[in-house]
Amino acid sequence: MKLWLAAGLATLALPLAASAATVKAEPAAAISQEFDLRSEPGPPDWRYFIQAPETEREKLWLYQVERGKHLKHWSWGWRLGWVRVCSRSQRPYCSGVLREALFDKALVVRAEAATRMGRQFEGSEKQDMIDLLARAYRDVRNRRRGKPMFVQTRILYAIHQIGGSHARSTGLALAGDHELVRSYWQKLERGHEG
């Protein structure tokens, strides 16, 4: 494991206020100068990051945000890592991470965010999440030469997982613009009925 990641997470270990809704990050000196969020994580870095306490990851995230670094500034491997850990979290900062990921420059990150959000909100019928996914579906980067890419079926599946009448009407409206996704949505709906 790279020492900068362990040192960076360890130096950000601040005591949390029992009722604090947000966590303040330490000053810039807290993180090693060697940390380059644009570099891909190695397997040991990845394991350490995934297994680190959530409070340490949150402090790392907030420290980088204070420096003006958001998800788009991290390498795609780290961006996938943030999506993975934040899909299992109820912390407010993770909600923001997942929202950023839905509109990420990398197709694979957008698709993973949609998949994880579908699982996270399965059966909740949350209209705000359905509307957010619908907005992500319409992202022009999700098509190539007018044809839908796999991220759009992932988004439709996530909408279907969230469920409810709003999900059904939204999915039907979104899928109506191309035969491939229309057919996919119809299969999802038939599965729901049966």
N, C-alpha and C. Protein backbone atom coordinates (compact mmCIF):
# COMPACT_ATOMS: atom_id res chain seq x y z
N MET A 1 0.85 -1.18 0.00
CA MET A 1 0.00 0.00 0.00
C MET A 1 0.89 1.24 0.00
N LYS A 2 0.52 2.22 -0.78
CA LYS A 2 1.28 3.46 -0.81
C LYS A 2 1.13 4.17 0.52
N LEU A 3 2.23 4.63 1.04
CA LEU A 3 2.21 5.29 2.35
C LEU A 3 1.41 6.58 2.34
N TRP A 4 1.35 7.26 1.18
CA TRP A 4 0.63 8.53 1.15
C TRP A 4 -0.85 8.35 1.43
N LEU A 5 -1.43 7.23 0.98
CA LEU A 5 -2.85 7.01 1.21
C LEU A 5 -3.11 6.73 2.68
N ALA A 6 -2.30 5.83 3.26
CA ALA A 6 -2.47 5.51 4.68
C ALA A 6 -2.21 6.74 5.52
N ALA A 7 -1.16 7.48 5.20
CA ALA A 7 -0.84 8.69 5.97
C ALA A 7 -1.92 9.74 5.79
N GLY A 8 -2.39 9.87 4.54
CA GLY A 8 -3.42 10.86 4.27
C GLY A 8 -4.70 10.57 5.02
N LEU A 9 -5.14 9.32 5.02
CA LEU A 9 -6.36 8.97 5.75
C LEU A 9 -6.13 9.07 7.24
N ALA A 10 -4.97 8.63 7.71
CA ALA A 10 -4.71 8.66 9.16
C ALA A 10 -4.62 10.09 9.68
N THR A 11 -4.00 10.98 8.93
CA THR A 11 -3.85 12.35 9.43
C THR A 11 -5.16 13.12 9.39
N LEU A 12 -6.11 12.61 8.66
CA LEU A 12 -7.41 13.27 8.63
C LEU A 12 -8.35 12.75 9.71
N ALA A 13 -7.86 11.87 10.56
CA ALA A 13 -8.71 11.30 11.59
C ALA A 13 -8.97 12.34 12.68
N LEU A 14 -10.02 13.07 12.52
CA LEU A 14 -10.43 14.09 13.50
C LEU A 14 -11.56 13.54 14.34
N PRO A 15 -11.64 13.95 15.61
CA PRO A 15 -12.81 13.52 16.38
C PRO A 15 -14.06 14.16 15.80
N LEU A 16 -15.12 13.37 15.71
CA LEU A 16 -16.39 13.88 15.19
C LEU A 16 -17.23 14.40 16.33
N ALA A 17 -17.87 15.53 16.09
CA ALA A 17 -18.85 16.03 17.06
C ALA A 17 -20.04 15.09 17.03
N ALA A 18 -20.55 14.74 18.18
CA ALA A 18 -21.61 13.72 18.27
C ALA A 18 -22.82 14.05 17.42
N SER A 19 -23.18 15.31 17.31
CA SER A 19 -24.39 15.65 16.56
C SER A 19 -24.10 16.45 15.30
N ALA A 20 -22.85 16.52 14.91
CA ALA A 20 -22.51 17.34 13.74
C ALA A 20 -23.04 16.69 12.48
N ALA A 21 -23.63 17.51 11.62
CA ALA A 21 -24.14 17.01 10.35
C ALA A 21 -23.04 16.94 9.31
N THR A 22 -22.01 17.77 9.47
CA THR A 22 -20.89 17.75 8.54
C THR A 22 -19.60 17.66 9.32
N VAL A 23 -18.55 17.29 8.61
CA VAL A 23 -17.24 17.13 9.21
C VAL A 23 -16.30 18.14 8.57
N LYS A 24 -15.56 18.85 9.38
CA LYS A 24 -14.57 19.80 8.86
C LYS A 24 -13.27 19.04 8.59
N ALA A 25 -12.64 19.33 7.48
CA ALA A 25 -11.37 18.69 7.14
C ALA A 25 -10.22 19.51 7.72
N GLU A 26 -9.11 18.83 7.97
CA GLU A 26 -7.92 19.51 8.48
C GLU A 26 -7.30 20.37 7.39
N PRO A 27 -6.37 21.25 7.78
CA PRO A 27 -5.70 22.10 6.79
C PRO A 27 -4.92 21.30 5.75
N ALA A 28 -4.54 21.99 4.70
CA ALA A 28 -3.87 21.36 3.56
C ALA A 28 -2.63 20.58 3.96
N ALA A 29 -1.94 20.96 5.01
CA ALA A 29 -0.71 20.29 5.42
C ALA A 29 -0.96 18.87 5.88
N ALA A 30 -2.20 18.52 6.14
CA ALA A 30 -2.51 17.20 6.68
C ALA A 30 -2.25 16.08 5.68
N ILE A 31 -2.36 16.33 4.41
CA ILE A 31 -2.19 15.27 3.41
C ILE A 31 -0.80 15.36 2.80
N SER A 32 -0.22 14.20 2.59
CA SER A 32 1.12 14.14 2.02
C SER A 32 1.14 14.81 0.65
N GLN A 33 2.23 15.49 0.36
CA GLN A 33 2.40 16.15 -0.92
C GLN A 33 2.43 15.13 -2.07
N GLU A 34 2.72 13.86 -1.76
CA GLU A 34 2.82 12.83 -2.78
C GLU A 34 1.46 12.39 -3.32
N PHE A 35 0.40 12.69 -2.60
CA PHE A 35 -0.92 12.21 -3.01
C PHE A 35 -1.35 12.88 -4.30
N ASP A 36 -1.57 12.07 -5.31
CA ASP A 36 -2.02 12.56 -6.61
C ASP A 36 -3.31 11.84 -6.96
N LEU A 37 -4.42 12.54 -6.78
CA LEU A 37 -5.71 11.90 -7.01
C LEU A 37 -5.96 11.60 -8.48
N ARG A 38 -5.09 12.08 -9.36
CA ARG A 38 -5.22 11.78 -10.79
C ARG A 38 -4.57 10.45 -11.16
N SER A 39 -3.76 9.89 -10.24
CA SER A 39 -3.11 8.60 -10.50
C SER A 39 -4.04 7.46 -10.14
N GLU A 40 -3.99 6.40 -10.93
CA GLU A 40 -4.83 5.24 -10.67
C GLU A 40 -4.40 4.54 -9.38
N PRO A 41 -5.36 4.05 -8.61
CA PRO A 41 -5.00 3.32 -7.39
C PRO A 41 -4.47 1.93 -7.73
N GLY A 42 -3.46 1.51 -6.99
CA GLY A 42 -2.99 0.14 -7.11
C GLY A 42 -3.87 -0.76 -6.26
N PRO A 43 -3.78 -2.08 -6.43
CA PRO A 43 -4.61 -2.99 -5.63
C PRO A 43 -4.52 -2.77 -4.12
N PRO A 44 -3.32 -2.55 -3.56
CA PRO A 44 -3.28 -2.31 -2.10
C PRO A 44 -3.98 -0.99 -1.71
N ASP A 45 -3.82 0.04 -2.55
CA ASP A 45 -4.49 1.32 -2.28
C ASP A 45 -6.00 1.12 -2.30
N TRP A 46 -6.47 0.39 -3.29
CA TRP A 46 -7.89 0.15 -3.47
C TRP A 46 -8.46 -0.56 -2.24
N ARG A 47 -7.78 -1.66 -1.82
CA ARG A 47 -8.24 -2.42 -0.65
C ARG A 47 -8.27 -1.54 0.60
N TYR A 48 -7.21 -0.77 0.79
CA TYR A 48 -7.16 0.08 1.98
C TYR A 48 -8.30 1.10 1.95
N PHE A 49 -8.53 1.69 0.81
CA PHE A 49 -9.58 2.69 0.67
C PHE A 49 -10.96 2.09 0.95
N ILE A 50 -11.24 0.94 0.37
CA ILE A 50 -12.54 0.29 0.54
C ILE A 50 -12.76 -0.11 1.99
N GLN A 51 -11.70 -0.56 2.67
CA GLN A 51 -11.82 -1.04 4.04
C GLN A 51 -11.66 0.05 5.09
N ALA A 52 -11.26 1.24 4.69
CA ALA A 52 -11.05 2.33 5.66
C ALA A 52 -12.37 2.72 6.32
N PRO A 53 -12.31 3.18 7.56
CA PRO A 53 -13.54 3.64 8.21
C PRO A 53 -14.17 4.78 7.41
N GLU A 54 -15.48 4.78 7.38
CA GLU A 54 -16.20 5.78 6.59
C GLU A 54 -15.84 7.20 7.01
N THR A 55 -15.63 7.42 8.28
CA THR A 55 -15.30 8.77 8.75
C THR A 55 -13.98 9.26 8.15
N GLU A 56 -13.02 8.33 7.95
CA GLU A 56 -11.75 8.72 7.34
C GLU A 56 -11.93 9.07 5.87
N ARG A 57 -12.73 8.28 5.16
CA ARG A 57 -12.98 8.60 3.75
C ARG A 57 -13.72 9.93 3.63
N GLU A 58 -14.66 10.16 4.52
CA GLU A 58 -15.40 11.42 4.48
C GLU A 58 -14.47 12.61 4.69
N LYS A 59 -13.56 12.48 5.61
CA LYS A 59 -12.60 13.57 5.85
C LYS A 59 -11.70 13.80 4.64
N LEU A 60 -11.28 12.70 4.00
CA LEU A 60 -10.47 12.82 2.78
C LEU A 60 -11.27 13.53 1.70
N TRP A 61 -12.54 13.14 1.52
CA TRP A 61 -13.39 13.77 0.50
C TRP A 61 -13.54 15.27 0.79
N LEU A 62 -13.88 15.60 2.02
CA LEU A 62 -14.12 17.01 2.37
C LEU A 62 -12.85 17.85 2.28
N TYR A 63 -11.72 17.24 2.61
CA TYR A 63 -10.44 17.94 2.45
C TYR A 63 -10.22 18.30 0.98
N GLN A 64 -10.46 17.34 0.08
CA GLN A 64 -10.26 17.60 -1.34
C GLN A 64 -11.27 18.61 -1.87
N VAL A 65 -12.50 18.55 -1.40
CA VAL A 65 -13.52 19.52 -1.83
C VAL A 65 -13.11 20.93 -1.41
N GLU A 66 -12.57 21.07 -0.19
CA GLU A 66 -12.10 22.38 0.25
C GLU A 66 -10.97 22.91 -0.63
N ARG A 67 -10.24 22.02 -1.26
CA ARG A 67 -9.18 22.40 -2.19
C ARG A 67 -9.72 22.61 -3.60
N GLY A 68 -11.04 22.48 -3.77
CA GLY A 68 -11.65 22.67 -5.09
C GLY A 68 -11.65 21.43 -5.95
N LYS A 69 -11.37 20.28 -5.35
CA LYS A 69 -11.29 19.01 -6.10
C LYS A 69 -12.57 18.21 -5.86
N HIS A 70 -13.28 17.96 -6.94
CA HIS A 70 -14.51 17.17 -6.89
C HIS A 70 -14.27 15.84 -7.61
N LEU A 71 -15.30 15.05 -7.75
CA LEU A 71 -15.16 13.72 -8.32
C LEU A 71 -14.48 13.76 -9.69
N LYS A 72 -14.81 14.73 -10.51
CA LYS A 72 -14.25 14.81 -11.86
C LYS A 72 -12.73 14.97 -11.87
N HIS A 73 -12.14 15.38 -10.77
CA HIS A 73 -10.70 15.59 -10.70
C HIS A 73 -9.94 14.32 -10.36
N TRP A 74 -10.63 13.30 -9.87
CA TRP A 74 -9.99 12.04 -9.49
C TRP A 74 -9.84 11.16 -10.74
N SER A 75 -8.88 10.24 -10.71
CA SER A 75 -8.74 9.27 -11.80
C SER A 75 -9.99 8.40 -11.83
N TRP A 76 -10.26 7.77 -12.97
CA TRP A 76 -11.50 7.02 -13.09
C TRP A 76 -11.55 5.85 -12.10
N GLY A 77 -10.42 5.25 -11.78
CA GLY A 77 -10.39 4.16 -10.80
C GLY A 77 -10.83 4.62 -9.42
N TRP A 78 -10.35 5.79 -9.02
CA TRP A 78 -10.79 6.35 -7.74
C TRP A 78 -12.26 6.74 -7.80
N ARG A 79 -12.70 7.26 -8.94
CA ARG A 79 -14.11 7.65 -9.07
C ARG A 79 -15.02 6.44 -8.89
N LEU A 80 -14.63 5.30 -9.47
CA LEU A 80 -15.40 4.08 -9.26
C LEU A 80 -15.38 3.66 -7.79
N GLY A 81 -14.24 3.85 -7.15
CA GLY A 81 -14.15 3.54 -5.72
C GLY A 81 -15.08 4.38 -4.89
N TRP A 82 -15.15 5.67 -5.19
CA TRP A 82 -16.07 6.55 -4.46
C TRP A 82 -17.52 6.13 -4.68
N VAL A 83 -17.85 5.75 -5.90
CA VAL A 83 -19.23 5.30 -6.17
C VAL A 83 -19.52 4.05 -5.34
N ARG A 84 -18.59 3.14 -5.32
CA ARG A 84 -18.79 1.89 -4.58
C ARG A 84 -19.01 2.14 -3.09
N VAL A 85 -18.14 2.91 -2.47
CA VAL A 85 -18.29 3.11 -1.02
C VAL A 85 -19.49 3.99 -0.69
N CYS A 86 -19.78 4.94 -1.54
CA CYS A 86 -20.89 5.85 -1.24
C CYS A 86 -22.25 5.21 -1.48
N SER A 87 -22.29 4.16 -2.28
CA SER A 87 -23.58 3.49 -2.49
C SER A 87 -24.02 2.72 -1.25
N ARG A 88 -23.10 2.52 -0.32
CA ARG A 88 -23.43 1.81 0.92
C ARG A 88 -23.55 2.78 2.10
N SER A 89 -23.56 4.05 1.82
CA SER A 89 -23.53 5.05 2.89
C SER A 89 -24.76 5.94 2.87
N GLN A 90 -25.14 6.41 4.03
CA GLN A 90 -26.24 7.37 4.14
C GLN A 90 -25.71 8.77 4.46
N ARG A 91 -24.40 8.94 4.49
CA ARG A 91 -23.80 10.23 4.83
C ARG A 91 -24.13 11.26 3.74
N PRO A 92 -24.42 12.50 4.12
CA PRO A 92 -24.79 13.52 3.13
C PRO A 92 -23.76 13.73 2.02
N TYR A 93 -22.48 13.68 2.35
CA TYR A 93 -21.47 13.91 1.31
C TYR A 93 -21.55 12.83 0.23
N CYS A 94 -21.94 11.61 0.61
CA CYS A 94 -22.03 10.53 -0.37
C CYS A 94 -23.17 10.74 -1.35
N SER A 95 -24.22 11.36 -0.90
CA SER A 95 -25.31 11.70 -1.82
C SER A 95 -24.78 12.61 -2.93
N GLY A 96 -23.97 13.56 -2.55
CA GLY A 96 -23.35 14.45 -3.54
C GLY A 96 -22.39 13.73 -4.47
N VAL A 97 -21.63 12.79 -3.92
CA VAL A 97 -20.69 12.02 -4.74
C VAL A 97 -21.46 11.24 -5.81
N LEU A 98 -22.55 10.57 -5.42
CA LEU A 98 -23.32 9.78 -6.38
C LEU A 98 -23.99 10.66 -7.43
N ARG A 99 -24.44 11.83 -7.02
CA ARG A 99 -25.03 12.76 -8.00
C ARG A 99 -23.98 13.20 -9.01
N GLU A 100 -22.77 13.51 -8.53
CA GLU A 100 -21.70 13.89 -9.46
C GLU A 100 -21.37 12.72 -10.39
N ALA A 101 -21.36 11.51 -9.86
CA ALA A 101 -20.99 10.34 -10.65
C ALA A 101 -21.99 10.07 -11.78
N LEU A 102 -23.26 10.37 -11.55
CA LEU A 102 -24.27 10.17 -12.59
C LEU A 102 -24.01 11.01 -13.84
N PHE A 103 -23.24 12.09 -13.67
CA PHE A 103 -22.96 13.00 -14.79
C PHE A 103 -21.45 13.05 -15.08
N ASP A 104 -20.75 12.01 -14.69
CA ASP A 104 -19.31 11.93 -14.85
C ASP A 104 -18.93 11.89 -16.33
N LYS A 105 -17.69 12.25 -16.63
CA LYS A 105 -17.23 12.22 -18.02
C LYS A 105 -17.04 10.79 -18.52
N ALA A 106 -16.81 9.83 -17.61
CA ALA A 106 -16.59 8.44 -18.02
C ALA A 106 -17.91 7.67 -18.01
N LEU A 107 -18.21 7.05 -19.13
CA LEU A 107 -19.44 6.27 -19.28
C LEU A 107 -19.55 5.19 -18.21
N VAL A 108 -18.46 4.51 -17.93
CA VAL A 108 -18.48 3.42 -16.96
C VAL A 108 -18.81 3.93 -15.56
N VAL A 109 -18.37 5.13 -15.22
CA VAL A 109 -18.69 5.71 -13.91
C VAL A 109 -20.16 6.08 -13.86
N ARG A 110 -20.69 6.67 -14.93
CA ARG A 110 -22.12 7.01 -14.98
C ARG A 110 -22.98 5.75 -14.83
N ALA A 111 -22.59 4.70 -15.54
CA ALA A 111 -23.34 3.45 -15.50
C ALA A 111 -23.29 2.82 -14.10
N GLU A 112 -22.14 2.82 -13.49
CA GLU A 112 -22.01 2.25 -12.15
C GLU A 112 -22.81 3.05 -11.14
N ALA A 113 -22.81 4.36 -11.26
CA ALA A 113 -23.61 5.19 -10.35
C ALA A 113 -25.09 4.87 -10.49
N ALA A 114 -25.57 4.72 -11.70
CA ALA A 114 -26.99 4.38 -11.92
C ALA A 114 -27.31 3.03 -11.30
N THR A 115 -26.46 2.05 -11.54
CA THR A 115 -26.67 0.71 -10.99
C THR A 115 -26.75 0.75 -9.47
N ARG A 116 -25.80 1.43 -8.86
CA ARG A 116 -25.74 1.49 -7.39
C ARG A 116 -26.92 2.27 -6.82
N MET A 117 -27.34 3.32 -7.50
CA MET A 117 -28.48 4.09 -7.01
C MET A 117 -29.77 3.28 -7.10
N GLY A 118 -29.91 2.47 -8.14
CA GLY A 118 -31.07 1.61 -8.25
C GLY A 118 -31.15 0.63 -7.09
N ARG A 119 -30.01 0.06 -6.74
CA ARG A 119 -29.97 -0.87 -5.60
C ARG A 119 -30.25 -0.15 -4.28
N GLN A 120 -29.63 1.02 -4.13
CA GLN A 120 -29.75 1.77 -2.88
C GLN A 120 -31.20 2.19 -2.60
N PHE A 121 -31.92 2.56 -3.65
CA PHE A 121 -33.28 3.08 -3.46
C PHE A 121 -34.36 2.10 -3.94
N GLU A 122 -33.99 0.83 -4.09
CA GLU A 122 -34.93 -0.17 -4.58
C GLU A 122 -36.22 -0.20 -3.75
N GLY A 123 -37.34 -0.12 -4.46
CA GLY A 123 -38.65 -0.19 -3.81
C GLY A 123 -39.07 1.05 -3.04
N SER A 124 -38.26 2.10 -3.07
CA SER A 124 -38.55 3.31 -2.29
C SER A 124 -39.57 4.23 -2.95
N GLU A 125 -39.71 4.13 -4.27
CA GLU A 125 -40.59 4.99 -5.06
C GLU A 125 -40.22 6.48 -4.91
N LYS A 126 -38.95 6.76 -4.63
CA LYS A 126 -38.49 8.14 -4.43
C LYS A 126 -38.50 8.91 -5.75
N GLN A 127 -39.43 9.86 -5.84
CA GLN A 127 -39.60 10.62 -7.09
C GLN A 127 -38.38 11.47 -7.41
N ASP A 128 -37.73 12.04 -6.39
CA ASP A 128 -36.57 12.88 -6.67
C ASP A 128 -35.43 12.07 -7.28
N MET A 129 -35.27 10.81 -6.87
CA MET A 129 -34.23 9.95 -7.45
C MET A 129 -34.60 9.55 -8.87
N ILE A 130 -35.87 9.28 -9.09
CA ILE A 130 -36.33 8.94 -10.45
C ILE A 130 -36.10 10.13 -11.38
N ASP A 131 -36.41 11.33 -10.92
CA ASP A 131 -36.21 12.53 -11.74
C ASP A 131 -34.73 12.78 -12.01
N LEU A 132 -33.88 12.53 -11.02
CA LEU A 132 -32.44 12.68 -11.21
C LEU A 132 -31.93 11.68 -12.24
N LEU A 133 -32.37 10.45 -12.13
CA LEU A 133 -31.96 9.42 -13.11
C LEU A 133 -32.48 9.77 -14.50
N ALA A 134 -33.68 10.31 -14.59
CA ALA A 134 -34.23 10.72 -15.89
C ALA A 134 -33.38 11.82 -16.51
N ARG A 135 -32.94 12.75 -15.68
CA ARG A 135 -32.06 13.82 -16.17
C ARG A 135 -30.74 13.23 -16.69
N ALA A 136 -30.21 12.26 -15.95
CA ALA A 136 -28.97 11.61 -16.38
C ALA A 136 -29.18 10.82 -17.67
N TYR A 137 -30.33 10.20 -17.83
CA TYR A 137 -30.65 9.43 -19.03
C TYR A 137 -30.55 10.32 -20.27
N ARG A 138 -31.00 11.56 -20.13
CA ARG A 138 -31.04 12.49 -21.27
C ARG A 138 -29.67 13.09 -21.63
N ASP A 139 -28.66 12.79 -20.84
CA ASP A 139 -27.31 13.29 -21.11
C ASP A 139 -26.90 12.85 -22.52
N VAL A 140 -26.55 13.79 -23.37
CA VAL A 140 -26.22 13.48 -24.77
C VAL A 140 -25.03 12.53 -24.91
N ARG A 141 -24.19 12.46 -23.88
CA ARG A 141 -23.03 11.57 -23.94
C ARG A 141 -23.44 10.10 -23.81
N ASN A 142 -24.69 9.85 -23.50
CA ASN A 142 -25.17 8.48 -23.33
C ASN A 142 -25.65 7.85 -24.64
N ARG A 143 -25.39 8.55 -25.73
CA ARG A 143 -25.73 8.03 -27.07
C ARG A 143 -24.53 8.19 -27.97
N ARG A 144 -24.44 7.27 -28.90
CA ARG A 144 -23.39 7.37 -29.92
C ARG A 144 -24.06 7.23 -31.27
N ARG A 145 -23.92 8.25 -32.08
CA ARG A 145 -24.55 8.30 -33.40
C ARG A 145 -26.05 8.03 -33.32
N GLY A 146 -26.66 8.61 -32.30
CA GLY A 146 -28.10 8.49 -32.13
C GLY A 146 -28.58 7.21 -31.46
N LYS A 147 -27.67 6.27 -31.25
CA LYS A 147 -28.06 5.00 -30.63
C LYS A 147 -27.76 5.03 -29.13
N PRO A 148 -28.66 4.45 -28.34
CA PRO A 148 -28.44 4.42 -26.89
C PRO A 148 -27.27 3.51 -26.54
N MET A 149 -26.49 3.93 -25.55
CA MET A 149 -25.40 3.11 -25.05
C MET A 149 -25.89 2.40 -23.78
N PHE A 150 -25.12 1.44 -23.29
CA PHE A 150 -25.58 0.59 -22.19
C PHE A 150 -25.95 1.37 -20.94
N VAL A 151 -25.41 2.55 -20.77
CA VAL A 151 -25.74 3.33 -19.57
C VAL A 151 -27.24 3.65 -19.53
N GLN A 152 -27.85 3.82 -20.69
CA GLN A 152 -29.28 4.15 -20.68
C GLN A 152 -30.12 2.98 -20.21
N THR A 153 -29.74 1.76 -20.55
CA THR A 153 -30.50 0.62 -20.02
C THR A 153 -30.24 0.46 -18.52
N ARG A 154 -29.04 0.78 -18.08
CA ARG A 154 -28.75 0.74 -16.64
C ARG A 154 -29.63 1.75 -15.89
N ILE A 155 -29.78 2.92 -16.47
CA ILE A 155 -30.61 3.96 -15.84
C ILE A 155 -32.07 3.51 -15.82
N LEU A 156 -32.54 2.96 -16.92
CA LEU A 156 -33.93 2.47 -16.95
C LEU A 156 -34.14 1.38 -15.91
N TYR A 157 -33.18 0.50 -15.78
CA TYR A 157 -33.30 -0.57 -14.79
C TYR A 157 -33.35 0.02 -13.38
N ALA A 158 -32.51 1.01 -13.11
CA ALA A 158 -32.51 1.67 -11.80
C ALA A 158 -33.86 2.32 -11.52
N ILE A 159 -34.42 2.98 -12.52
CA ILE A 159 -35.74 3.59 -12.36
C ILE A 159 -36.78 2.51 -12.06
N HIS A 160 -36.70 1.42 -12.78
CA HIS A 160 -37.61 0.29 -12.55
C HIS A 160 -37.45 -0.26 -11.13
N GLN A 161 -36.21 -0.37 -10.65
CA GLN A 161 -35.96 -0.87 -9.30
C GLN A 161 -36.58 0.04 -8.24
N ILE A 162 -36.46 1.33 -8.43
CA ILE A 162 -37.01 2.29 -7.47
C ILE A 162 -38.52 2.12 -7.41
N GLY A 163 -39.13 1.91 -8.54
CA GLY A 163 -40.52 1.51 -8.61
C GLY A 163 -41.56 2.60 -8.38
N GLY A 164 -42.81 2.19 -8.52
CA GLY A 164 -43.94 3.08 -8.32
C GLY A 164 -44.49 3.61 -9.63
N SER A 165 -45.59 4.31 -9.53
CA SER A 165 -46.26 4.82 -10.73
C SER A 165 -45.42 5.89 -11.43
N HIS A 166 -44.71 6.72 -10.65
CA HIS A 166 -43.86 7.74 -11.27
C HIS A 166 -42.72 7.09 -12.06
N ALA A 167 -42.18 6.01 -11.52
CA ALA A 167 -41.12 5.28 -12.23
C ALA A 167 -41.66 4.69 -13.53
N ARG A 168 -42.85 4.11 -13.48
CA ARG A 168 -43.42 3.52 -14.70
C ARG A 168 -43.67 4.57 -15.78
N SER A 169 -44.26 5.69 -15.40
CA SER A 169 -44.55 6.72 -16.41
C SER A 169 -43.26 7.36 -16.93
N THR A 170 -42.29 7.56 -16.05
CA THR A 170 -41.01 8.15 -16.47
C THR A 170 -40.26 7.20 -17.39
N GLY A 171 -40.18 5.94 -17.01
CA GLY A 171 -39.48 4.95 -17.84
C GLY A 171 -40.11 4.82 -19.21
N LEU A 172 -41.43 4.80 -19.24
CA LEU A 172 -42.14 4.69 -20.52
C LEU A 172 -41.84 5.90 -21.41
N ALA A 173 -41.86 7.10 -20.82
CA ALA A 173 -41.58 8.31 -21.60
C ALA A 173 -40.15 8.32 -22.12
N LEU A 174 -39.19 7.94 -21.26
CA LEU A 174 -37.79 7.94 -21.68
C LEU A 174 -37.53 6.90 -22.77
N ALA A 175 -38.10 5.73 -22.59
CA ALA A 175 -37.85 4.63 -23.52
C ALA A 175 -38.53 4.83 -24.87
N GLY A 176 -39.46 5.75 -24.95
CA GLY A 176 -40.21 5.94 -26.18
C GLY A 176 -39.42 6.52 -27.33
N ASP A 177 -38.20 6.99 -27.07
CA ASP A 177 -37.48 7.67 -28.14
C ASP A 177 -36.58 6.77 -28.99
N HIS A 178 -36.48 5.48 -28.67
CA HIS A 178 -35.67 4.58 -29.49
C HIS A 178 -36.16 3.15 -29.30
N GLU A 179 -36.23 2.40 -30.39
CA GLU A 179 -36.77 1.04 -30.35
C GLU A 179 -36.01 0.12 -29.40
N LEU A 180 -34.68 0.24 -29.35
CA LEU A 180 -33.89 -0.64 -28.48
C LEU A 180 -34.27 -0.48 -27.02
N VAL A 181 -34.35 0.76 -26.55
CA VAL A 181 -34.68 0.98 -25.14
C VAL A 181 -36.17 0.76 -24.89
N ARG A 182 -36.99 1.02 -25.89
CA ARG A 182 -38.43 0.78 -25.74
C ARG A 182 -38.67 -0.72 -25.51
N SER A 183 -38.00 -1.55 -26.29
CA SER A 183 -38.12 -2.99 -26.14
C SER A 183 -37.61 -3.44 -24.76
N TYR A 184 -36.50 -2.86 -24.34
CA TYR A 184 -35.93 -3.20 -23.03
C TYR A 184 -36.91 -2.83 -21.91
N TRP A 185 -37.50 -1.63 -21.99
CA TRP A 185 -38.44 -1.19 -20.96
C TRP A 185 -39.67 -2.10 -20.93
N GLN A 186 -40.14 -2.49 -22.09
CA GLN A 186 -41.30 -3.39 -22.15
C GLN A 186 -41.00 -4.72 -21.48
N LYS A 187 -39.79 -5.25 -21.65
CA LYS A 187 -39.39 -6.49 -20.98
C LYS A 187 -39.38 -6.30 -19.47
N LEU A 188 -38.87 -5.17 -19.02
CA LEU A 188 -38.86 -4.88 -17.57
C LEU A 188 -40.29 -4.85 -17.03
N GLU A 189 -41.17 -4.18 -17.75
CA GLU A 189 -42.55 -4.06 -17.30
C GLU A 189 -43.28 -5.40 -17.31
N ARG A 190 -43.00 -6.21 -18.33
CA ARG A 190 -43.63 -7.54 -18.38
C ARG A 190 -43.15 -8.39 -17.21
N GLY A 191 -41.88 -8.26 -16.87
CA GLY A 191 -41.34 -8.99 -15.72
C GLY A 191 -41.98 -8.54 -14.43
N HIS A 192 -42.31 -7.24 -14.36
CA HIS A 192 -42.95 -6.67 -13.18
C HIS A 192 -44.37 -7.18 -13.02
N GLU A 193 -45.05 -7.35 -14.15
CA GLU A 193 -46.44 -7.80 -14.11
C GLU A 193 -46.55 -9.27 -13.79
N GLY A 194 -45.52 -10.04 -14.18
CA GLY A 194 -45.60 -11.49 -14.01
C GLY A 194 -45.04 -11.96 -12.74
